[in-house]
Amino acid sequence: MSATRESVLAILSKVKDPISGSSIVEAGIVKALTVTDGAVRFVMEVSGSHADSYTALKDEAEAQIKALEGVQNVSIILTAHSTPKAPPDLKSSRKSEPTGPQKIPGVDRIIAVASGKGGVGKSTVASNLACALAAEGRRVGLLDADVYGPSQPRMLGVSGRPASPDGKIILPMRNFGVTMMSLGLMTNEDQAVVWRGPMLMGALQQMLTQVQWGALDVLIVDLPPGTGDVQMTLAQKTDLNGAIIVSTPQDIALLDARKGIDMFNQLGTPIIGMIENMSTHICSKCGHEEHMFGHGGVATEAKKLGVPLLAEIPLHLDIRLAADGGAPVVVSKPDSPQAKVFRTVAKDLIAMGHA
């Protein structure tokens, strides 16, 4: 007999909230509950001032759900709201300096692939770059941190649910020589992720620190577009080696790309280089070359910043078909001109010591 959402809620309705005295379901602590193929996942969202009181409660809820018939795996993320604090005492502020960015055990380098706006092909670049680096003999991981629009499972042809033998360590998926983890593997493909900032940050840190990445030369992080909580958490909490900015050539995309660059500058993250995606289109019928989104804007911006222009990637049907088909063009058509662009970027990153 398979476990259902209703049977899990019935169990959780018997777990008492130590603060309100009602059940954790009635208190609104249980969020984003999913029950699929024997895997139960949800978030416990609590007040930051009482977070310590819920650690034992999390273990209790996990034990009771595991005892439910049909449950094979339980994953619970405990995340806390920040609570208002009194104004800081500036005279004593030096005594409580925040801890700096932390390294992920076994991971040599971490590179963020970012964009100022959506729709510029950032995730396509990230998946092809990861596969290109793997083809060059590097040990590569890919973290899909685009929590609202995770696309790497589809692009890398990965399905199924990550296993967790002890309910804490998460075993990532692997394909084309790339070790991959995505929130898209934890939810249904058509299920929206409706989470607040603290929940996002908790999920990101769990995917960084609780996933068994193993020994990696480089971990590529596919960030969501914009300048939000996920980008800030990654840069502030993780030893991030640098960021690659992806943009299309037109001015409206570059406006947002500049904001992304400014954010990384403020956070002290080096810009490794820029990539102009959808740079040019060559008609498959007549061979005419057309710059549909303009041309050279990213090169000009990179020169202004004093960072390398890593590539000008064409707008080509093969790249799109490969991504939708679950095998990036670097894998599906390795000898094509489009694949060779990504292979060149991978070789350049290795030569520069970034991968």
Protein backbone atom coordinates (compact mmCIF):
# COMPACT_ATOMS: atom_id res chain seq x y z
CA MET A 1 0.00 0.00 0.00
CA SER A 2 1.41 3.39 -1.00
CA ALA A 3 1.51 6.33 1.37
CA THR A 4 -0.69 9.28 0.43
CA ARG A 5 -0.68 12.96 1.22
CA GLU A 6 -3.72 12.42 3.44
CA SER A 7 -2.10 9.61 5.44
CA VAL A 8 1.03 11.72 6.02
CA LEU A 9 -1.07 14.72 7.11
CA ALA A 10 -2.94 12.45 9.51
CA ILE A 11 0.38 11.50 11.14
CA LEU A 12 1.60 15.10 11.28
CA SER A 13 -1.73 16.23 12.78
CA LYS A 14 -0.79 14.22 15.88
CA VAL A 15 2.57 15.97 16.31
CA LYS A 16 2.12 18.84 18.76
CA ASP A 17 3.66 22.27 18.29
CA PRO A 18 5.49 23.09 21.57
CA ILE A 19 4.72 26.79 21.24
CA SER A 20 1.03 26.96 20.32
CA GLY A 21 -0.04 23.57 21.71
CA SER A 22 -1.93 22.73 18.51
CA SER A 23 -0.69 20.30 15.87
CA ILE A 24 2.11 21.42 13.55
CA VAL A 25 -0.38 21.19 10.67
CA GLU A 26 -2.91 23.47 12.37
CA ALA A 27 -0.13 25.87 13.36
CA GLY A 28 0.84 26.27 9.68
CA ILE A 29 4.36 24.94 10.23
CA VAL A 30 4.16 22.24 7.53
CA LYS A 31 4.80 23.70 4.06
CA ALA A 32 5.28 22.34 0.53
CA LEU A 33 4.34 18.76 1.38
CA THR A 34 4.80 16.28 -1.47
CA VAL A 35 4.24 12.52 -1.37
CA THR A 36 5.41 10.70 -4.50
CA ASP A 37 6.52 7.10 -5.07
CA GLY A 38 7.13 6.46 -1.39
CA ALA A 39 9.14 9.67 -0.92
CA VAL A 40 7.83 12.26 1.56
CA ARG A 41 9.23 15.79 1.51
CA PHE A 42 8.17 18.97 3.24
CA VAL A 43 9.42 22.09 4.97
CA MET A 44 8.94 22.97 8.65
CA GLU A 45 8.87 26.77 8.76
CA VAL A 46 9.22 28.12 12.31
CA SER A 47 10.08 31.32 14.13
CA GLY A 48 13.79 32.04 14.35
CA SER A 49 13.59 32.67 18.09
CA HIS A 50 12.29 29.13 18.72
CA ALA A 51 14.25 27.21 16.06
CA ASP A 52 16.20 25.14 18.60
CA SER A 53 12.97 23.83 20.13
CA TYR A 54 11.96 22.18 16.86
CA THR A 55 15.03 20.05 16.16
CA ALA A 56 13.76 17.18 18.31
CA LEU A 57 10.26 17.69 16.90
CA LYS A 58 11.64 17.31 13.36
CA ASP A 59 13.24 13.99 14.35
CA GLU A 60 9.97 12.85 15.94
CA ALA A 61 7.96 13.68 12.82
CA GLU A 62 10.54 11.93 10.63
CA ALA A 63 10.44 8.76 12.75
CA GLN A 64 6.64 8.59 12.72
CA ILE A 65 6.41 9.09 8.96
CA LYS A 66 9.07 6.44 8.30
CA ALA A 67 6.93 3.99 10.25
CA LEU A 68 4.04 4.60 7.86
CA GLU A 69 3.45 1.76 5.41
CA GLY A 70 4.74 2.52 1.91
CA VAL A 71 7.16 5.24 2.95
CA GLN A 72 10.70 4.62 1.70
CA ASN A 73 12.33 8.01 2.12
CA VAL A 74 11.67 11.12 4.25
CA SER A 75 13.26 14.53 3.72
CA ILE A 76 12.38 17.40 6.06
CA ILE A 77 13.90 20.87 5.77
CA LEU A 78 13.76 22.93 8.98
CA THR A 79 13.89 26.62 8.19
CA ALA A 80 13.29 29.66 10.36
CA HIS A 81 11.95 33.17 9.93
CA SER A 82 14.30 35.88 11.06
CA THR A 83 12.75 37.73 14.00
CA PRO A 84 12.99 41.49 14.62
CA LYS A 85 15.90 42.39 16.84
CA ALA A 86 16.73 45.40 18.92
CA PRO A 87 18.99 48.01 17.29
CA PRO A 88 22.58 46.78 17.40
CA ASP A 89 25.03 48.14 19.92
CA LEU A 90 27.58 49.66 17.59
CA LYS A 91 30.19 49.81 20.35
CA SER A 92 30.17 46.04 20.74
CA SER A 93 29.46 45.03 17.15
CA ARG A 94 32.99 43.79 16.57
CA LYS A 95 32.49 41.00 19.09
CA SER A 96 29.98 39.19 16.88
CA GLU A 97 31.51 39.24 13.42
CA PRO A 98 29.72 36.88 11.00
CA THR A 99 31.50 33.77 9.85
CA GLY A 100 32.92 33.95 6.34
CA PRO A 101 32.10 31.83 3.30
CA GLN A 102 32.63 28.10 3.79
CA LYS A 103 34.10 25.54 1.41
CA ILE A 104 32.12 22.45 0.42
CA PRO A 105 34.08 19.33 1.41
CA GLY A 106 35.64 17.65 -1.62
CA VAL A 107 34.82 20.51 -4.02
CA ASP A 108 37.86 22.43 -5.33
CA ARG A 109 36.11 25.30 -7.12
CA ILE A 110 32.61 26.72 -7.41
CA ILE A 111 31.48 28.76 -10.42
CA ALA A 112 28.12 30.52 -10.64
CA VAL A 113 26.42 30.90 -14.02
CA ALA A 114 24.17 33.94 -13.73
CA SER A 115 22.07 36.36 -15.73
CA GLY A 116 20.31 39.60 -14.99
CA LYS A 117 17.06 38.47 -16.62
CA GLY A 118 15.35 35.26 -17.61
CA GLY A 119 15.16 33.82 -21.09
CA VAL A 120 18.75 34.49 -22.15
CA GLY A 121 19.77 30.81 -22.16
CA LYS A 122 21.66 30.70 -18.87
CA SER A 123 20.58 27.16 -17.99
CA THR A 124 21.41 25.92 -21.50
CA VAL A 125 24.89 27.41 -21.17
CA ALA A 126 25.32 25.86 -17.70
CA SER A 127 24.37 22.33 -18.81
CA ASN A 128 26.53 22.43 -21.95
CA LEU A 129 29.46 23.91 -20.05
CA ALA A 130 29.21 21.18 -17.40
CA CYS A 131 29.19 18.45 -20.07
CA ALA A 132 32.04 20.14 -21.97
CA LEU A 133 34.20 20.24 -18.83
CA ALA A 134 33.39 16.58 -18.15
CA ALA A 135 34.43 15.76 -21.73
CA GLU A 136 37.76 17.45 -20.98
CA GLY A 137 38.32 15.03 -18.11
CA ARG A 138 37.26 17.25 -15.23
CA ARG A 139 35.19 15.96 -12.31
CA VAL A 140 32.09 18.15 -12.60
CA GLY A 141 29.02 18.82 -10.48
CA LEU A 142 25.98 20.87 -11.49
CA LEU A 143 23.66 22.39 -8.90
CA ASP A 144 20.38 23.67 -10.30
CA ALA A 145 19.72 26.55 -7.91
CA ASP A 146 17.00 28.06 -10.10
CA VAL A 147 14.44 26.99 -7.52
CA TYR A 148 11.42 28.61 -9.18
CA GLY A 149 12.19 27.28 -12.66
CA PRO A 150 14.45 24.21 -12.38
CA SER A 151 15.24 22.93 -15.86
CA GLN A 152 18.43 20.88 -15.49
CA PRO A 153 16.65 17.52 -14.96
CA ARG A 154 15.05 17.89 -18.39
CA MET A 155 18.21 19.22 -20.06
CA LEU A 156 20.44 16.46 -18.67
CA GLY A 157 17.87 13.71 -19.21
CA VAL A 158 17.66 12.88 -15.50
CA SER A 159 14.51 11.59 -13.80
CA GLY A 160 13.61 9.86 -10.57
CA ARG A 161 14.05 10.89 -6.96
CA PRO A 162 17.40 11.29 -5.20
CA ALA A 163 17.86 8.72 -2.45
CA SER A 164 18.67 9.53 1.17
CA PRO A 165 19.84 6.43 3.08
CA ASP A 166 19.78 8.12 6.49
CA GLY A 167 17.26 10.91 5.89
CA LYS A 168 20.04 13.50 6.01
CA ILE A 169 22.64 12.88 3.30
CA ILE A 170 21.20 13.20 -0.22
CA LEU A 171 22.64 11.11 -3.05
CA PRO A 172 22.75 13.18 -6.27
CA MET A 173 21.94 11.96 -9.77
CA ARG A 174 24.51 11.51 -12.55
CA ASN A 175 24.49 11.61 -16.34
CA PHE A 176 26.99 12.38 -19.11
CA GLY A 177 29.79 12.44 -16.52
CA VAL A 178 28.09 15.22 -14.53
CA THR A 179 26.93 14.85 -10.92
CA MET A 180 23.69 16.81 -10.64
CA MET A 181 21.23 17.96 -8.01
CA SER A 182 18.09 20.02 -8.56
CA LEU A 183 15.00 20.98 -6.63
CA GLY A 184 13.18 19.86 -9.78
CA LEU A 185 14.00 16.27 -8.76
CA MET A 186 12.21 16.79 -5.44
CA THR A 187 8.94 18.08 -6.91
CA ASN A 188 6.63 17.14 -9.76
CA GLU A 189 7.55 18.71 -13.11
CA ASP A 190 4.37 20.81 -13.25
CA GLN A 191 4.34 21.71 -9.54
CA ALA A 192 5.01 25.35 -8.62
CA VAL A 193 7.48 26.11 -5.81
CA VAL A 194 5.69 28.70 -3.66
CA TRP A 195 8.31 29.48 -1.05
CA ARG A 196 9.41 32.54 0.89
CA GLY A 197 13.01 33.72 1.04
CA PRO A 198 13.99 31.86 4.24
CA MET A 199 12.70 28.59 2.78
CA LEU A 200 14.69 29.14 -0.41
CA MET A 201 17.87 29.85 1.52
CA GLY A 202 17.37 26.77 3.69
CA ALA A 203 16.83 24.57 0.63
CA LEU A 204 19.89 26.00 -1.13
CA GLN A 205 22.16 25.43 1.86
CA GLN A 206 20.82 21.89 2.22
CA MET A 207 21.58 21.13 -1.44
CA LEU A 208 25.08 22.56 -1.02
CA THR A 209 26.05 20.93 2.27
CA GLN A 210 23.94 17.77 2.57
CA VAL A 211 24.33 16.44 -0.96
CA GLN A 212 27.09 13.84 -1.25
CA TRP A 213 28.96 15.61 -4.05
CA GLY A 214 32.10 13.52 -3.69
CA ALA A 215 35.43 14.77 -5.05
CA LEU A 216 34.86 17.47 -7.70
CA ASP A 217 37.23 19.71 -9.62
CA VAL A 218 34.44 22.20 -10.15
CA LEU A 219 30.81 22.67 -9.11
CA ILE A 220 28.75 24.78 -11.51
CA VAL A 221 25.77 26.53 -9.94
CA ASP A 222 22.93 27.46 -12.29
CA LEU A 223 21.43 30.51 -10.55
CA PRO A 224 17.94 31.96 -11.02
CA PRO A 225 17.77 35.26 -12.92
CA GLY A 226 17.94 38.52 -11.02
CA THR A 227 19.60 39.67 -7.81
CA GLY A 228 17.76 37.95 -4.97
CA ASP A 229 18.07 35.73 -1.91
CA VAL A 230 19.60 32.74 -3.68
CA GLN A 231 22.45 34.77 -5.22
CA MET A 232 23.19 36.52 -1.93
CA THR A 233 23.13 33.29 0.08
CA LEU A 234 25.49 31.57 -2.34
CA ALA A 235 27.99 34.44 -2.38
CA GLN A 236 27.91 35.08 1.37
CA LYS A 237 27.81 31.51 2.70
CA THR A 238 29.90 29.63 0.13
CA ASP A 239 33.49 29.96 -1.03
CA LEU A 240 32.49 31.08 -4.52
CA ASN A 241 35.43 31.35 -6.95
CA GLY A 242 33.67 33.49 -9.52
CA ALA A 243 30.67 34.11 -11.75
CA ILE A 244 30.04 33.83 -15.48
CA ILE A 245 27.47 36.31 -16.76
CA VAL A 246 25.24 35.24 -19.67
CA SER A 247 23.36 37.81 -21.72
CA THR A 248 21.86 38.30 -25.14
CA PRO A 249 23.22 41.27 -27.12
CA GLN A 250 20.26 43.63 -26.95
CA ASP A 251 20.30 46.66 -24.68
CA ILE A 252 17.34 45.56 -22.52
CA ALA A 253 19.14 42.35 -21.53
CA LEU A 254 22.41 44.18 -20.89
CA LEU A 255 20.65 46.61 -18.55
CA ASP A 256 19.76 43.70 -16.28
CA ALA A 257 23.13 42.01 -16.79
CA ARG A 258 24.85 45.13 -15.44
CA LYS A 259 22.74 44.90 -12.29
CA GLY A 260 23.82 41.31 -11.81
CA ILE A 261 27.46 42.28 -12.27
CA ASP A 262 27.07 45.12 -9.76
CA MET A 263 25.55 42.70 -7.24
CA PHE A 264 28.53 40.34 -7.51
CA ASN A 265 30.90 43.30 -7.20
CA GLN A 266 29.17 44.36 -4.00
CA LEU A 267 29.39 40.81 -2.65
CA GLY A 268 33.07 40.54 -3.53
CA THR A 269 32.64 37.78 -6.13
CA PRO A 270 35.02 38.01 -9.12
CA ILE A 271 33.53 38.06 -12.63
CA ILE A 272 35.30 35.32 -14.61
CA GLY A 273 33.91 36.48 -17.93
CA MET A 274 30.83 37.08 -20.04
CA ILE A 275 29.06 34.99 -22.68
CA GLU A 276 26.95 36.47 -25.48
CA ASN A 277 24.20 33.97 -26.18
CA MET A 278 21.94 34.00 -29.29
CA SER A 279 24.67 36.12 -30.85
CA THR A 280 23.84 35.42 -34.48
CA HIS A 281 21.49 33.30 -36.58
CA ILE A 282 22.45 31.60 -39.85
CA CYS A 283 19.54 30.55 -42.03
CA SER A 284 19.57 26.79 -42.62
CA LYS A 285 18.03 27.34 -46.09
CA CYS A 286 20.15 30.08 -47.65
CA GLY A 287 23.06 30.59 -45.25
CA HIS A 288 22.25 34.24 -44.63
CA GLU A 289 23.62 35.49 -41.29
CA GLU A 290 21.38 37.78 -39.28
CA HIS A 291 21.90 39.38 -35.88
CA MET A 292 18.35 39.09 -34.58
CA PHE A 293 19.12 40.60 -31.16
CA GLY A 294 21.90 42.92 -32.28
CA HIS A 295 25.58 42.07 -32.00
CA GLY A 296 28.62 43.05 -29.99
CA GLY A 297 26.86 44.49 -26.96
CA VAL A 298 28.25 41.89 -24.57
CA ALA A 299 31.75 42.24 -26.04
CA THR A 300 31.63 45.99 -25.44
CA GLU A 301 30.43 45.47 -21.87
CA ALA A 302 33.14 42.89 -21.16
CA LYS A 303 35.82 45.25 -22.49
CA LYS A 304 34.47 48.03 -20.29
CA LEU A 305 34.68 45.76 -17.24
CA GLY A 306 38.09 44.41 -18.18
CA VAL A 307 36.89 40.78 -18.19
CA PRO A 308 37.12 38.20 -21.00
CA LEU A 309 34.38 37.65 -23.56
CA LEU A 310 34.32 33.86 -23.23
CA ALA A 311 32.13 33.09 -26.24
CA GLU A 312 29.59 34.27 -28.76
CA ILE A 313 27.09 31.42 -28.98
CA PRO A 314 24.81 31.31 -32.04
CA LEU A 315 21.04 31.04 -32.01
CA HIS A 316 20.73 27.55 -33.50
CA LEU A 317 17.93 25.02 -33.64
CA ASP A 318 20.23 22.12 -32.67
CA ILE A 319 21.01 23.73 -29.30
CA ARG A 320 17.32 24.08 -28.48
CA LEU A 321 16.38 20.59 -29.68
CA ALA A 322 19.25 19.04 -27.72
CA ALA A 323 18.21 20.79 -24.50
CA ASP A 324 14.58 19.76 -24.87
CA GLY A 325 15.63 16.22 -25.77
CA GLY A 326 17.64 15.63 -22.59
CA ALA A 327 21.13 15.53 -24.11
CA PRO A 328 23.00 18.87 -24.44
CA VAL A 329 24.43 19.60 -27.88
CA VAL A 330 27.94 18.98 -26.50
CA VAL A 331 26.82 15.36 -25.97
CA SER A 332 24.32 14.81 -28.81
CA LYS A 333 26.37 16.49 -31.58
CA PRO A 334 29.92 16.76 -30.20
CA ASP A 335 31.51 17.58 -33.59
CA SER A 336 29.08 20.36 -34.50
CA PRO A 337 30.23 24.00 -34.58
CA GLN A 338 27.78 24.74 -31.77
CA ALA A 339 29.32 22.09 -29.49
CA LYS A 340 32.82 23.27 -30.31
CA VAL A 341 32.00 26.74 -28.94
CA PHE A 342 31.23 25.25 -25.52
CA ARG A 343 34.29 22.98 -25.67
CA THR A 344 36.44 26.06 -26.32
CA VAL A 345 34.99 27.83 -23.28
CA ALA A 346 35.68 24.74 -21.16
CA LYS A 347 39.30 24.60 -22.33
CA ASP A 348 39.75 28.31 -21.65
CA LEU A 349 38.37 27.98 -18.12
CA ILE A 350 40.78 25.10 -17.44
CA ALA A 351 43.68 27.12 -18.86
CA MET A 352 42.76 30.10 -16.66
CA GLY A 353 42.68 27.84 -13.59
CA HIS A 354 38.95 28.19 -12.97
CA ALA A 355 38.03 24.54 -13.59
